[in-house]
N, C-alpha and C. Protein backbone atom coordinates (compact mmCIF):
# COMPACT_ATOMS: atom_id res chain seq x y z
N MET A 1 13.59 4.79 29.02
CA MET A 1 14.89 5.09 29.60
C MET A 1 15.50 6.28 28.87
N ARG A 2 15.84 7.30 29.62
CA ARG A 2 16.40 8.52 29.06
C ARG A 2 17.92 8.40 29.02
N ILE A 3 18.52 8.73 27.86
CA ILE A 3 19.98 8.72 27.72
C ILE A 3 20.42 10.14 27.41
N ILE A 4 21.40 10.64 28.19
CA ILE A 4 21.85 12.03 28.10
C ILE A 4 23.36 12.06 27.95
N GLU A 5 23.86 13.02 27.17
CA GLU A 5 25.30 13.24 27.05
C GLU A 5 25.68 14.47 27.84
N GLY A 6 26.84 14.40 28.51
CA GLY A 6 27.30 15.53 29.29
C GLY A 6 28.78 15.44 29.58
N LYS A 7 29.26 16.40 30.38
CA LYS A 7 30.67 16.51 30.71
C LYS A 7 30.85 16.29 32.22
N VAL A 8 31.87 15.53 32.59
CA VAL A 8 32.14 15.25 33.99
C VAL A 8 32.77 16.50 34.62
N VAL A 9 32.14 16.99 35.71
CA VAL A 9 32.65 18.19 36.37
C VAL A 9 33.17 17.91 37.78
N SER A 10 32.91 16.71 38.32
CA SER A 10 33.42 16.37 39.65
C SER A 10 33.58 14.86 39.77
N VAL A 11 34.72 14.45 40.33
CA VAL A 11 34.97 13.03 40.58
C VAL A 11 35.38 12.82 42.04
N LYS A 12 34.93 13.69 42.93
CA LYS A 12 35.38 13.67 44.32
C LYS A 12 34.67 12.62 45.17
N MET A 13 33.50 12.18 44.76
CA MET A 13 32.77 11.19 45.56
C MET A 13 33.20 9.78 45.19
N GLN A 14 32.95 8.87 46.09
CA GLN A 14 33.35 7.49 45.88
C GLN A 14 32.26 6.75 45.10
N GLY A 15 32.59 6.33 43.87
CA GLY A 15 31.65 5.59 43.04
C GLY A 15 30.61 6.43 42.33
N VAL A 16 30.69 7.75 42.46
CA VAL A 16 29.71 8.65 41.85
C VAL A 16 30.44 9.82 41.20
N VAL A 17 29.96 10.24 40.03
CA VAL A 17 30.50 11.43 39.37
C VAL A 17 29.35 12.42 39.15
N VAL A 18 29.70 13.69 39.01
CA VAL A 18 28.72 14.72 38.70
C VAL A 18 28.89 15.07 37.23
N VAL A 19 27.80 14.98 36.48
CA VAL A 19 27.82 15.23 35.04
C VAL A 19 26.97 16.47 34.76
N GLU A 20 27.56 17.44 34.05
CA GLU A 20 26.84 18.65 33.68
C GLU A 20 26.33 18.51 32.25
N VAL A 21 25.03 18.71 32.08
CA VAL A 21 24.40 18.62 30.77
C VAL A 21 24.00 20.02 30.34
N ARG A 22 24.48 20.44 29.18
CA ARG A 22 24.14 21.76 28.63
C ARG A 22 23.22 21.58 27.44
N ARG A 23 22.21 22.46 27.34
CA ARG A 23 21.31 22.44 26.19
C ARG A 23 20.87 23.85 25.87
N LYS A 24 20.45 24.05 24.63
CA LYS A 24 19.97 25.36 24.20
C LYS A 24 18.47 25.26 23.96
N ILE A 25 17.74 26.22 24.53
CA ILE A 25 16.29 26.26 24.30
C ILE A 25 15.94 27.64 23.76
N SER A 26 14.81 27.71 23.11
CA SER A 26 14.32 28.98 22.60
C SER A 26 13.40 29.60 23.64
N HIS A 27 13.57 30.88 23.89
CA HIS A 27 12.72 31.58 24.84
C HIS A 27 11.29 31.60 24.30
N PRO A 28 10.29 31.29 25.14
CA PRO A 28 8.93 31.17 24.62
C PRO A 28 8.36 32.45 23.99
N LEU A 29 8.75 33.60 24.51
CA LEU A 29 8.19 34.85 23.99
C LEU A 29 9.13 35.54 23.01
N TYR A 30 10.42 35.66 23.37
CA TYR A 30 11.36 36.45 22.58
C TYR A 30 12.13 35.63 21.55
N LYS A 31 12.03 34.32 21.59
CA LYS A 31 12.65 33.41 20.61
C LYS A 31 14.17 33.48 20.57
N LYS A 32 14.78 34.04 21.60
CA LYS A 32 16.24 34.07 21.67
C LYS A 32 16.72 32.75 22.27
N LEU A 33 17.86 32.24 21.78
CA LEU A 33 18.40 31.00 22.32
C LEU A 33 19.02 31.25 23.69
N ILE A 34 18.67 30.38 24.63
CA ILE A 34 19.17 30.49 25.99
C ILE A 34 19.92 29.21 26.33
N ASN A 35 21.09 29.35 26.97
CA ASN A 35 21.85 28.19 27.42
C ASN A 35 21.35 27.76 28.79
N LYS A 36 20.94 26.49 28.88
CA LYS A 36 20.52 25.92 30.16
C LYS A 36 21.51 24.84 30.53
N ARG A 37 21.75 24.65 31.82
CA ARG A 37 22.63 23.59 32.28
C ARG A 37 22.04 22.97 33.54
N LYS A 38 22.29 21.68 33.69
CA LYS A 38 21.83 20.97 34.87
C LYS A 38 22.86 19.91 35.22
N LYS A 39 23.01 19.67 36.52
CA LYS A 39 23.98 18.69 36.98
C LYS A 39 23.26 17.45 37.49
N TYR A 40 23.76 16.30 37.08
CA TYR A 40 23.21 15.02 37.50
C TYR A 40 24.31 14.21 38.18
N LYS A 41 23.94 13.46 39.21
CA LYS A 41 24.88 12.53 39.84
C LYS A 41 24.67 11.16 39.21
N ALA A 42 25.76 10.52 38.80
CA ALA A 42 25.67 9.23 38.12
C ALA A 42 26.61 8.23 38.78
N ALA A 43 26.12 7.01 38.95
CA ALA A 43 26.93 5.93 39.51
C ALA A 43 27.91 5.45 38.45
N VAL A 44 29.16 5.24 38.85
CA VAL A 44 30.21 4.89 37.90
C VAL A 44 30.33 3.38 37.71
N GLY A 45 30.20 2.61 38.75
CA GLY A 45 30.43 1.17 38.66
C GLY A 45 31.93 0.89 38.66
N ASP A 46 32.41 0.09 37.70
CA ASP A 46 33.83 -0.25 37.65
C ASP A 46 34.58 0.51 36.56
N MET A 47 33.96 1.53 35.97
CA MET A 47 34.63 2.33 34.92
C MET A 47 35.55 3.36 35.56
N THR A 48 36.56 3.78 34.79
CA THR A 48 37.44 4.85 35.25
C THR A 48 37.10 6.11 34.46
N VAL A 49 36.83 7.16 35.19
CA VAL A 49 36.43 8.44 34.59
C VAL A 49 37.28 9.53 35.20
N SER A 50 37.68 10.49 34.38
CA SER A 50 38.44 11.63 34.89
C SER A 50 37.70 12.92 34.58
N LEU A 51 38.16 13.98 35.18
CA LEU A 51 37.54 15.30 35.04
C LEU A 51 37.59 15.75 33.59
N GLY A 52 36.48 16.25 33.06
CA GLY A 52 36.44 16.77 31.71
C GLY A 52 36.05 15.77 30.64
N ASP A 53 35.86 14.50 31.01
CA ASP A 53 35.45 13.49 30.04
C ASP A 53 34.02 13.74 29.57
N LYS A 54 33.76 13.42 28.30
CA LYS A 54 32.41 13.48 27.77
C LYS A 54 31.82 12.07 27.91
N VAL A 55 30.64 11.97 28.55
CA VAL A 55 30.08 10.67 28.88
C VAL A 55 28.60 10.60 28.51
N LYS A 56 28.08 9.37 28.44
CA LYS A 56 26.66 9.11 28.28
C LYS A 56 26.15 8.52 29.58
N ILE A 57 25.02 9.06 30.08
CA ILE A 57 24.41 8.53 31.29
C ILE A 57 22.97 8.12 30.97
N ALA A 58 22.47 7.14 31.72
CA ALA A 58 21.12 6.64 31.51
C ALA A 58 20.34 6.69 32.81
N GLU A 59 19.06 7.01 32.70
CA GLU A 59 18.20 7.07 33.87
C GLU A 59 17.94 5.65 34.39
N THR A 60 17.91 5.52 35.70
CA THR A 60 17.70 4.22 36.32
C THR A 60 16.89 4.40 37.60
N ARG A 61 16.65 3.32 38.30
CA ARG A 61 15.94 3.42 39.58
C ARG A 61 16.78 4.24 40.56
N PRO A 62 16.19 4.83 41.59
CA PRO A 62 16.98 5.58 42.55
C PRO A 62 18.02 4.70 43.25
N LEU A 63 19.28 5.09 43.14
CA LEU A 63 20.36 4.35 43.78
C LEU A 63 20.69 4.93 45.14
N SER A 64 20.38 6.20 45.34
CA SER A 64 20.53 6.86 46.64
C SER A 64 19.60 8.07 46.62
N LYS A 65 19.76 8.95 47.59
CA LYS A 65 18.89 10.13 47.67
C LYS A 65 18.99 11.00 46.42
N ASP A 66 20.21 11.21 45.91
CA ASP A 66 20.42 12.11 44.77
C ASP A 66 20.78 11.39 43.48
N THR A 67 21.22 10.16 43.55
CA THR A 67 21.73 9.45 42.37
C THR A 67 20.61 8.66 41.68
N HIS A 68 20.24 9.11 40.47
CA HIS A 68 19.19 8.45 39.69
C HIS A 68 19.67 8.10 38.29
N PHE A 69 20.96 8.18 38.05
CA PHE A 69 21.53 7.86 36.75
C PHE A 69 22.71 6.93 36.92
N ARG A 70 23.05 6.21 35.86
CA ARG A 70 24.26 5.38 35.86
C ARG A 70 25.03 5.69 34.59
N LEU A 71 26.34 5.48 34.65
CA LEU A 71 27.21 5.77 33.53
C LEU A 71 27.13 4.64 32.51
N LEU A 72 26.88 4.99 31.24
CA LEU A 72 26.84 3.99 30.18
C LEU A 72 28.20 3.81 29.53
N GLU A 73 28.77 4.93 29.05
CA GLU A 73 30.06 4.85 28.36
C GLU A 73 30.76 6.20 28.40
N VAL A 74 32.08 6.12 28.22
CA VAL A 74 32.90 7.33 28.08
C VAL A 74 33.08 7.56 26.58
N ILE A 75 32.59 8.70 26.09
CA ILE A 75 32.65 9.00 24.66
C ILE A 75 34.03 9.53 24.28
N LYS A 76 34.51 10.52 25.06
CA LYS A 76 35.77 11.18 24.72
C LYS A 76 36.50 11.52 25.99
N GLN A 77 37.80 11.19 26.04
CA GLN A 77 38.58 11.51 27.24
C GLN A 77 39.39 12.75 27.06
């Protein structure tokens, strides 16, 4: 089970939030640090989340076409 930390960037859907995960990787040839970002849809359940919260999400079985993560906890509001 993969656990990822990210920032909530959208709360417009019902029961689902969009979490943006940022990470830094080294370029394979030039060794310069590159910022990568990816957005994941996560099921909220009965938690209350607002825009800009830092959260932990965990990989789970497919809940819908795009939703493959669920919200574990809100780290910082």
